[in-house]
Amino acid sequence: MHDIIISWFAGFPKEIATFLIALIPVTELRAALPLAYKVYSLSAFSAWLWSVLGTFTAMVVIVVLLDPIAQFLSKHIGFFKKFFNWLFEHTRKRTGAKMEKYGEWAVFILAAIPIPFLGGMTGALAAFVFGIPLKKSIPLLLFGTMISGLIVLLITLGSGIFFPIID
């Protein structure tokens, strides 16, 4: 799988490739950072920085642009109205208990957890769905993404056991 991702960005500078891989919701920084460090041979700090920037950029796009896009598409195309209703219900189900328990800090917690389908993008969706203001959600998402990146970096530096396909 990592060979496919690497081939998509073969002509790009390593830092930009890392940033772009981190933008992808399925890979986020969980895949971008180990690839940047172990395959692209970026320094630990550079791998962390470009991965965090890519994932955080995608999160900002979600919290800033999802509402106008969702409203426009829902208004003009029936499928999207159903899709966004499903998406919001799904996000509320997955994060509702955390939002009740932790309030706005749930956005930070979700962003800080580097687990597939429960990381940064889910945190950004939760911030949007639960109407957390940008002034609060953006710093929480940034701090959570930085922590997630640190966790992934420490695992990457600590052992090839966690990412055997990249060694």
N, C-alpha and C. Protein backbone atom coordinates (compact mmCIF):
# COMPACT_ATOMS: atom_id res chain seq x y z
N MET A 1 0.82 -1.20 0.00
CA MET A 1 0.00 0.00 0.00
C MET A 1 0.87 1.26 0.00
N HIS A 2 1.93 1.24 0.83
CA HIS A 2 2.77 2.45 0.89
C HIS A 2 3.46 2.72 -0.43
N ASP A 3 3.72 1.65 -1.22
CA ASP A 3 4.33 1.85 -2.54
C ASP A 3 3.42 2.64 -3.47
N ILE A 4 2.12 2.37 -3.37
CA ILE A 4 1.15 3.09 -4.20
C ILE A 4 1.14 4.57 -3.83
N ILE A 5 1.09 4.84 -2.54
CA ILE A 5 1.07 6.23 -2.07
C ILE A 5 2.35 6.95 -2.49
N ILE A 6 3.48 6.30 -2.32
CA ILE A 6 4.76 6.91 -2.70
C ILE A 6 4.78 7.20 -4.20
N SER A 7 4.27 6.28 -5.01
CA SER A 7 4.29 6.48 -6.46
C SER A 7 3.39 7.64 -6.89
N TRP A 8 2.29 7.89 -6.17
CA TRP A 8 1.41 9.01 -6.50
C TRP A 8 2.16 10.34 -6.42
N PHE A 9 3.09 10.43 -5.50
CA PHE A 9 3.77 11.70 -5.24
C PHE A 9 5.24 11.66 -5.62
N ALA A 10 5.60 10.77 -6.54
CA ALA A 10 7.00 10.56 -6.91
C ALA A 10 7.68 11.82 -7.44
N GLY A 11 6.99 12.66 -8.16
CA GLY A 11 7.62 13.84 -8.75
C GLY A 11 7.65 15.06 -7.84
N PHE A 12 7.11 14.93 -6.66
CA PHE A 12 7.04 16.06 -5.74
C PHE A 12 8.25 16.11 -4.81
N PRO A 13 8.61 17.29 -4.35
CA PRO A 13 9.62 17.36 -3.28
C PRO A 13 9.11 16.58 -2.06
N LYS A 14 10.01 15.99 -1.32
CA LYS A 14 9.64 15.11 -0.20
C LYS A 14 8.75 15.81 0.83
N GLU A 15 9.02 17.07 1.10
CA GLU A 15 8.23 17.81 2.09
C GLU A 15 6.79 18.01 1.59
N ILE A 16 6.66 18.35 0.32
CA ILE A 16 5.33 18.57 -0.25
C ILE A 16 4.58 17.24 -0.35
N ALA A 17 5.27 16.17 -0.70
CA ALA A 17 4.65 14.84 -0.74
C ALA A 17 4.13 14.47 0.64
N THR A 18 4.92 14.73 1.67
CA THR A 18 4.51 14.45 3.04
C THR A 18 3.26 15.24 3.39
N PHE A 19 3.26 16.52 3.07
CA PHE A 19 2.12 17.40 3.32
C PHE A 19 0.87 16.86 2.62
N LEU A 20 1.00 16.47 1.36
CA LEU A 20 -0.15 15.99 0.59
C LEU A 20 -0.68 14.66 1.11
N ILE A 21 0.22 13.77 1.49
CA ILE A 21 -0.20 12.48 2.07
C ILE A 21 -0.96 12.73 3.37
N ALA A 22 -0.49 13.69 4.16
CA ALA A 22 -1.16 14.01 5.42
C ALA A 22 -2.52 14.66 5.21
N LEU A 23 -2.74 15.26 4.05
CA LEU A 23 -4.05 15.86 3.72
C LEU A 23 -5.13 14.81 3.49
N ILE A 24 -4.75 13.64 3.08
CA ILE A 24 -5.70 12.59 2.71
C ILE A 24 -6.35 12.04 3.99
N PRO A 25 -7.68 12.07 4.06
CA PRO A 25 -8.36 11.64 5.29
C PRO A 25 -8.03 10.22 5.75
N VAL A 26 -7.80 9.30 4.85
CA VAL A 26 -7.52 7.92 5.26
C VAL A 26 -6.10 7.79 5.81
N THR A 27 -5.17 8.51 5.24
CA THR A 27 -3.78 8.37 5.68
C THR A 27 -3.42 9.34 6.80
N GLU A 28 -3.81 10.60 6.67
CA GLU A 28 -3.48 11.65 7.63
C GLU A 28 -2.01 11.56 8.02
N LEU A 29 -1.67 12.08 9.16
CA LEU A 29 -0.27 12.06 9.58
C LEU A 29 0.16 10.69 10.07
N ARG A 30 -0.80 9.80 10.35
CA ARG A 30 -0.47 8.44 10.79
C ARG A 30 0.40 7.72 9.77
N ALA A 31 0.14 7.95 8.49
CA ALA A 31 0.94 7.33 7.43
C ALA A 31 2.02 8.28 6.92
N ALA A 32 1.69 9.57 6.84
CA ALA A 32 2.62 10.53 6.26
C ALA A 32 3.91 10.64 7.07
N LEU A 33 3.80 10.69 8.37
CA LEU A 33 4.98 10.90 9.20
C LEU A 33 5.96 9.72 9.12
N PRO A 34 5.52 8.47 9.31
CA PRO A 34 6.47 7.36 9.16
C PRO A 34 7.07 7.28 7.76
N LEU A 35 6.26 7.55 6.73
CA LEU A 35 6.80 7.54 5.36
C LEU A 35 7.86 8.63 5.20
N ALA A 36 7.56 9.81 5.71
CA ALA A 36 8.50 10.93 5.58
C ALA A 36 9.82 10.62 6.27
N TYR A 37 9.74 10.02 7.43
CA TYR A 37 10.95 9.75 8.20
C TYR A 37 11.72 8.54 7.66
N LYS A 38 11.01 7.45 7.41
CA LYS A 38 11.69 6.20 7.06
C LYS A 38 11.93 6.03 5.56
N VAL A 39 11.06 6.56 4.71
CA VAL A 39 11.21 6.37 3.27
C VAL A 39 11.85 7.60 2.63
N TYR A 40 11.33 8.79 2.96
CA TYR A 40 11.85 10.01 2.37
C TYR A 40 13.10 10.53 3.09
N SER A 41 13.41 9.94 4.23
CA SER A 41 14.60 10.31 5.01
C SER A 41 14.60 11.77 5.46
N LEU A 42 13.42 12.30 5.75
CA LEU A 42 13.35 13.63 6.33
C LEU A 42 13.78 13.54 7.79
N SER A 43 14.25 14.64 8.34
CA SER A 43 14.58 14.65 9.76
C SER A 43 13.31 14.41 10.56
N ALA A 44 13.45 14.01 11.80
CA ALA A 44 12.29 13.77 12.66
C ALA A 44 11.43 15.02 12.76
N PHE A 45 12.07 16.16 12.96
CA PHE A 45 11.30 17.40 13.07
C PHE A 45 10.60 17.75 11.77
N SER A 46 11.29 17.63 10.65
CA SER A 46 10.69 17.96 9.36
C SER A 46 9.53 17.01 9.05
N ALA A 47 9.69 15.73 9.31
CA ALA A 47 8.61 14.76 9.10
C ALA A 47 7.40 15.12 9.96
N TRP A 48 7.66 15.47 11.21
CA TRP A 48 6.58 15.87 12.12
C TRP A 48 5.89 17.15 11.63
N LEU A 49 6.68 18.15 11.30
CA LEU A 49 6.14 19.45 10.90
C LEU A 49 5.26 19.35 9.66
N TRP A 50 5.77 18.74 8.58
CA TRP A 50 5.02 18.66 7.34
C TRP A 50 3.78 17.78 7.48
N SER A 51 3.88 16.74 8.30
CA SER A 51 2.72 15.88 8.54
C SER A 51 1.64 16.61 9.32
N VAL A 52 2.05 17.31 10.37
CA VAL A 52 1.09 18.08 11.17
C VAL A 52 0.45 19.17 10.32
N LEU A 53 1.25 19.87 9.53
CA LEU A 53 0.70 20.94 8.68
C LEU A 53 -0.32 20.40 7.68
N GLY A 54 -0.03 19.26 7.08
CA GLY A 54 -0.96 18.67 6.11
C GLY A 54 -2.27 18.27 6.75
N THR A 55 -2.20 17.55 7.85
CA THR A 55 -3.43 17.11 8.52
C THR A 55 -4.21 18.30 9.06
N PHE A 56 -3.50 19.26 9.66
CA PHE A 56 -4.18 20.43 10.20
C PHE A 56 -4.85 21.25 9.09
N THR A 57 -4.22 21.36 7.95
CA THR A 57 -4.81 22.09 6.82
C THR A 57 -6.14 21.44 6.41
N ALA A 58 -6.15 20.12 6.32
CA ALA A 58 -7.39 19.42 5.97
C ALA A 58 -8.47 19.67 7.03
N MET A 59 -8.07 19.72 8.29
CA MET A 59 -9.03 19.96 9.36
C MET A 59 -9.61 21.37 9.28
N VAL A 60 -8.78 22.34 8.97
CA VAL A 60 -9.25 23.72 8.84
C VAL A 60 -10.24 23.83 7.68
N VAL A 61 -9.92 23.17 6.57
CA VAL A 61 -10.83 23.17 5.43
C VAL A 61 -12.19 22.61 5.85
N ILE A 62 -12.18 21.54 6.62
CA ILE A 62 -13.44 20.93 7.08
C ILE A 62 -14.24 21.90 7.92
N VAL A 63 -13.62 22.50 8.93
CA VAL A 63 -14.40 23.35 9.84
C VAL A 63 -14.80 24.68 9.21
N VAL A 64 -14.05 25.15 8.22
CA VAL A 64 -14.37 26.44 7.60
C VAL A 64 -15.30 26.28 6.40
N LEU A 65 -15.06 25.28 5.58
CA LEU A 65 -15.79 25.19 4.32
C LEU A 65 -16.93 24.16 4.28
N LEU A 66 -16.99 23.25 5.24
CA LEU A 66 -18.00 22.20 5.15
C LEU A 66 -19.42 22.75 5.21
N ASP A 67 -19.67 23.74 6.05
CA ASP A 67 -21.03 24.27 6.16
C ASP A 67 -21.51 24.89 4.85
N PRO A 68 -20.78 25.83 4.25
CA PRO A 68 -21.29 26.39 3.00
C PRO A 68 -21.38 25.36 1.88
N ILE A 69 -20.46 24.44 1.83
CA ILE A 69 -20.51 23.40 0.79
C ILE A 69 -21.71 22.48 1.02
N ALA A 70 -21.90 22.06 2.27
CA ALA A 70 -23.02 21.18 2.59
C ALA A 70 -24.35 21.85 2.29
N GLN A 71 -24.48 23.11 2.65
CA GLN A 71 -25.73 23.82 2.38
C GLN A 71 -25.99 23.95 0.89
N PHE A 72 -24.98 24.31 0.13
CA PHE A 72 -25.14 24.47 -1.32
C PHE A 72 -25.52 23.14 -1.98
N LEU A 73 -24.75 22.10 -1.68
CA LEU A 73 -25.02 20.81 -2.32
C LEU A 73 -26.36 20.24 -1.89
N SER A 74 -26.71 20.37 -0.61
CA SER A 74 -27.99 19.86 -0.11
C SER A 74 -29.17 20.58 -0.75
N LYS A 75 -28.99 21.84 -1.03
CA LYS A 75 -30.05 22.64 -1.63
C LYS A 75 -30.29 22.24 -3.09
N HIS A 76 -29.21 21.89 -3.80
CA HIS A 76 -29.31 21.66 -5.24
C HIS A 76 -29.31 20.20 -5.66
N ILE A 77 -28.84 19.30 -4.81
CA ILE A 77 -28.75 17.89 -5.18
C ILE A 77 -29.26 17.05 -4.01
N GLY A 78 -30.37 16.35 -4.23
CA GLY A 78 -31.02 15.58 -3.16
C GLY A 78 -30.13 14.55 -2.50
N PHE A 79 -29.27 13.90 -3.29
CA PHE A 79 -28.37 12.89 -2.73
C PHE A 79 -27.54 13.47 -1.59
N PHE A 80 -27.04 14.68 -1.78
CA PHE A 80 -26.16 15.28 -0.79
C PHE A 80 -26.90 15.63 0.49
N LYS A 81 -28.16 15.96 0.39
CA LYS A 81 -28.95 16.22 1.60
C LYS A 81 -28.99 14.95 2.45
N LYS A 82 -29.23 13.81 1.82
CA LYS A 82 -29.24 12.52 2.53
C LYS A 82 -27.85 12.20 3.07
N PHE A 83 -26.84 12.43 2.24
CA PHE A 83 -25.48 12.12 2.66
C PHE A 83 -25.07 12.94 3.88
N PHE A 84 -25.31 14.25 3.84
CA PHE A 84 -24.91 15.09 4.96
C PHE A 84 -25.73 14.79 6.21
N ASN A 85 -26.99 14.45 6.05
CA ASN A 85 -27.78 14.03 7.21
C ASN A 85 -27.17 12.78 7.84
N TRP A 86 -26.79 11.81 6.99
CA TRP A 86 -26.15 10.60 7.49
C TRP A 86 -24.83 10.94 8.18
N LEU A 87 -24.02 11.77 7.53
CA LEU A 87 -22.72 12.13 8.08
C LEU A 87 -22.86 12.77 9.46
N PHE A 88 -23.78 13.70 9.59
CA PHE A 88 -23.97 14.39 10.86
C PHE A 88 -24.49 13.45 11.94
N GLU A 89 -25.44 12.58 11.58
CA GLU A 89 -25.93 11.60 12.55
C GLU A 89 -24.82 10.65 12.98
N HIS A 90 -24.06 10.18 12.00
CA HIS A 90 -22.95 9.26 12.28
C HIS A 90 -21.93 9.92 13.21
N THR A 91 -21.58 11.15 12.93
CA THR A 91 -20.60 11.86 13.76
C THR A 91 -21.16 12.10 15.16
N ARG A 92 -22.42 12.46 15.24
CA ARG A 92 -23.03 12.68 16.57
C ARG A 92 -23.05 11.39 17.37
N LYS A 93 -23.34 10.26 16.73
CA LYS A 93 -23.34 8.97 17.43
C LYS A 93 -21.96 8.64 17.95
N ARG A 94 -20.95 8.83 17.09
CA ARG A 94 -19.58 8.45 17.45
C ARG A 94 -18.97 9.37 18.49
N THR A 95 -19.36 10.63 18.48
CA THR A 95 -18.68 11.59 19.35
C THR A 95 -19.60 12.23 20.38
N GLY A 96 -20.89 11.95 20.31
CA GLY A 96 -21.84 12.59 21.21
C GLY A 96 -21.52 12.39 22.68
N ALA A 97 -21.21 11.16 23.08
CA ALA A 97 -20.90 10.89 24.49
C ALA A 97 -19.65 11.64 24.93
N LYS A 98 -18.65 11.68 24.05
CA LYS A 98 -17.42 12.42 24.39
C LYS A 98 -17.70 13.91 24.50
N MET A 99 -18.54 14.42 23.61
CA MET A 99 -18.87 15.84 23.66
C MET A 99 -19.59 16.18 24.96
N GLU A 100 -20.50 15.31 25.37
CA GLU A 100 -21.20 15.55 26.63
C GLU A 100 -20.24 15.49 27.81
N LYS A 101 -19.34 14.53 27.79
CA LYS A 101 -18.43 14.33 28.91
C LYS A 101 -17.33 15.40 28.96
N TYR A 102 -16.73 15.70 27.80
CA TYR A 102 -15.55 16.57 27.79
C TYR A 102 -15.81 17.96 27.21
N GLY A 103 -16.99 18.19 26.66
CA GLY A 103 -17.29 19.49 26.07
C GLY A 103 -16.39 19.76 24.88
N GLU A 104 -15.95 20.99 24.76
CA GLU A 104 -15.11 21.40 23.62
C GLU A 104 -13.77 20.66 23.60
N TRP A 105 -13.30 20.20 24.75
CA TRP A 105 -12.03 19.47 24.80
C TRP A 105 -12.10 18.14 24.07
N ALA A 106 -13.33 17.66 23.80
CA ALA A 106 -13.47 16.43 23.02
C ALA A 106 -12.85 16.59 21.64
N VAL A 107 -12.91 17.80 21.09
CA VAL A 107 -12.30 18.06 19.78
C VAL A 107 -10.79 17.84 19.87
N PHE A 108 -10.17 18.34 20.92
CA PHE A 108 -8.73 18.13 21.15
C PHE A 108 -8.44 16.64 21.29
N ILE A 109 -9.22 15.95 22.11
CA ILE A 109 -8.98 14.53 22.37
C ILE A 109 -9.08 13.73 21.07
N LEU A 110 -10.13 14.00 20.28
CA LEU A 110 -10.28 13.28 19.01
C LEU A 110 -9.11 13.57 18.07
N ALA A 111 -8.68 14.82 18.00
CA ALA A 111 -7.57 15.18 17.12
C ALA A 111 -6.25 14.58 17.59
N ALA A 112 -6.12 14.36 18.88
CA ALA A 112 -4.86 13.86 19.44
C ALA A 112 -4.71 12.35 19.36
N ILE A 113 -5.77 11.65 19.03
CA ILE A 113 -5.74 10.19 18.98
C ILE A 113 -5.37 9.74 17.57
N PRO A 114 -4.18 9.17 17.38
CA PRO A 114 -3.77 8.75 16.03
C PRO A 114 -4.25 7.34 15.67
N ILE A 115 -5.57 7.15 15.72
CA ILE A 115 -6.16 5.86 15.38
C ILE A 115 -7.03 6.05 14.15
N PRO A 116 -6.94 5.14 13.17
CA PRO A 116 -7.77 5.29 11.97
C PRO A 116 -9.25 5.43 12.30
N PHE A 117 -9.91 6.30 11.59
CA PHE A 117 -11.34 6.60 11.71
C PHE A 117 -11.72 7.24 13.04
N LEU A 118 -10.74 7.70 13.81
CA LEU A 118 -11.05 8.36 15.08
C LEU A 118 -10.07 9.48 15.35
N GLY A 119 -9.42 10.00 14.35
CA GLY A 119 -8.38 11.00 14.56
C GLY A 119 -8.81 12.41 14.22
N GLY A 120 -7.89 13.11 13.56
CA GLY A 120 -8.05 14.53 13.29
C GLY A 120 -9.29 14.90 12.51
N MET A 121 -9.59 14.14 11.46
CA MET A 121 -10.74 14.50 10.65
C MET A 121 -12.04 14.33 11.44
N THR A 122 -12.10 13.31 12.30
CA THR A 122 -13.27 13.13 13.15
C THR A 122 -13.39 14.29 14.13
N GLY A 123 -12.26 14.76 14.65
CA GLY A 123 -12.28 15.92 15.53
C GLY A 123 -12.79 17.16 14.82
N ALA A 124 -12.36 17.35 13.59
CA ALA A 124 -12.83 18.50 12.81
C ALA A 124 -14.32 18.37 12.49
N LEU A 125 -14.77 17.17 12.14
CA LEU A 125 -16.19 16.96 11.89
C LEU A 125 -17.00 17.22 13.15
N ALA A 126 -16.50 16.75 14.28
CA ALA A 126 -17.20 16.97 15.55
C ALA A 126 -17.30 18.47 15.85
N ALA A 127 -16.22 19.20 15.62
CA ALA A 127 -16.25 20.65 15.85
C ALA A 127 -17.31 21.30 14.97
N PHE A 128 -17.39 20.88 13.74
CA PHE A 128 -18.39 21.43 12.82
C PHE A 128 -19.80 21.02 13.23
N VAL A 129 -20.02 19.72 13.42
CA VAL A 129 -21.35 19.20 13.71
C VAL A 129 -21.91 19.76 15.02
N PHE A 130 -21.05 19.91 16.01
CA PHE A 130 -21.52 20.40 17.31
C PHE A 130 -21.42 21.92 17.44
N GLY A 131 -21.06 22.58 16.35
CA GLY A 131 -21.09 24.05 16.32
C GLY A 131 -20.09 24.73 17.23
N ILE A 132 -18.92 24.15 17.40
CA ILE A 132 -17.91 24.79 18.22
C ILE A 132 -17.31 25.94 17.42
N PRO A 133 -17.30 27.14 17.98
CA PRO A 133 -16.80 28.31 17.23
C PRO A 133 -15.35 28.14 16.78
N LEU A 134 -15.03 28.75 15.64
CA LEU A 134 -13.68 28.64 15.09
C LEU A 134 -12.62 29.11 16.08
N LYS A 135 -12.91 30.16 16.83
CA LYS A 135 -11.93 30.69 17.80
C LYS A 135 -11.51 29.63 18.81
N LYS A 136 -12.41 28.71 19.10
CA LYS A 136 -12.10 27.64 20.05
C LYS A 136 -11.65 26.37 19.34
N SER A 137 -12.30 26.01 18.23
CA SER A 137 -11.99 24.74 17.60
C SER A 137 -10.63 24.72 16.92
N ILE A 138 -10.24 25.80 16.27
CA ILE A 138 -8.95 25.82 15.55
C ILE A 138 -7.78 25.57 16.49
N PRO A 139 -7.66 26.28 17.62
CA PRO A 139 -6.53 25.98 18.53
C PRO A 139 -6.59 24.57 19.11
N LEU A 140 -7.80 24.09 19.42
CA LEU A 140 -7.93 22.73 19.96
C LEU A 140 -7.50 21.70 18.92
N LEU A 141 -7.89 21.91 17.67
CA LEU A 141 -7.50 20.99 16.60
C LEU A 141 -5.99 21.04 16.35
N LEU A 142 -5.42 22.23 16.37
CA LEU A 142 -3.98 22.36 16.15
C LEU A 142 -3.20 21.66 17.27
N PHE A 143 -3.55 21.94 18.50
CA PHE A 143 -2.85 21.33 19.63
C PHE A 143 -3.02 19.80 19.60
N GLY A 144 -4.23 19.33 19.32
CA GLY A 144 -4.47 17.89 19.23
C GLY A 144 -3.66 17.24 18.12
N THR A 145 -3.57 17.91 16.97
CA THR A 145 -2.79 17.38 15.84
C THR A 145 -1.31 17.35 16.18
N MET A 146 -0.83 18.36 16.88
CA MET A 146 0.58 18.38 17.28
C MET A 146 0.88 17.20 18.23
N ILE A 147 -0.03 16.94 19.15
CA ILE A 147 0.16 15.82 20.08
C ILE A 147 0.09 14.49 19.33
N SER A 148 -0.88 14.35 18.42
CA SER A 148 -0.99 13.14 17.61
C SER A 148 0.31 12.90 16.83
N GLY A 149 0.83 13.96 16.24
CA GLY A 149 2.08 13.86 15.50
C GLY A 149 3.23 13.43 16.40
N LEU A 150 3.27 13.95 17.61
CA LEU A 150 4.31 13.58 18.56
C LEU A 150 4.21 12.10 18.93
N ILE A 151 2.99 11.62 19.14
CA ILE A 151 2.78 10.20 19.46
C ILE A 151 3.27 9.32 18.31
N VAL A 152 2.86 9.66 17.10
CA VAL A 152 3.27 8.87 15.93
C VAL A 152 4.79 8.95 15.73
N LEU A 153 5.36 10.12 15.95
CA LEU A 153 6.81 10.27 15.81
C LEU A 153 7.54 9.40 16.83
N LEU A 154 7.11 9.43 18.07
CA LEU A 154 7.77 8.62 19.11
C LEU A 154 7.66 7.13 18.80
N ILE A 155 6.52 6.71 18.32
CA ILE A 155 6.36 5.30 17.93
C ILE A 155 7.27 4.98 16.76
N THR A 156 7.33 5.88 15.78
CA THR A 156 8.17 5.67 14.60
C THR A 156 9.64 5.60 14.98
N LEU A 157 10.06 6.50 15.85
CA LEU A 157 11.47 6.51 16.28
C LEU A 157 11.79 5.33 17.17
N GLY A 158 10.79 4.89 17.94
CA GLY A 158 11.03 3.87 18.96
C GLY A 158 11.14 2.46 18.47
N SER A 159 10.41 2.14 17.41
CA SER A 159 10.41 0.75 17.02
C SER A 159 9.84 0.54 15.64
N GLY A 160 10.47 -0.31 14.88
CA GLY A 160 9.95 -0.70 13.57
C GLY A 160 8.84 -1.71 13.70
N ILE A 161 8.59 -2.21 14.92
CA ILE A 161 7.54 -3.20 15.14
C ILE A 161 6.18 -2.62 14.77
N PHE A 162 5.97 -1.34 15.04
CA PHE A 162 4.67 -0.73 14.81
C PHE A 162 4.41 -0.43 13.34
N PHE A 163 5.45 -0.28 12.56
CA PHE A 163 5.31 0.01 11.14
C PHE A 163 6.21 -0.92 10.32
N PRO A 164 5.97 -2.22 10.42
CA PRO A 164 6.88 -3.17 9.75
C PRO A 164 6.90 -3.03 8.23
N ILE A 165 5.82 -2.58 7.61
CA ILE A 165 5.81 -2.49 6.15
C ILE A 165 6.70 -1.37 5.63
N ILE A 166 7.08 -0.45 6.51
CA ILE A 166 7.88 0.69 6.10
C ILE A 166 9.37 0.42 6.31
N ASP A 167 9.69 -0.49 7.20
CA ASP A 167 11.12 -0.77 7.46
C ASP A 167 11.81 -1.33 6.24
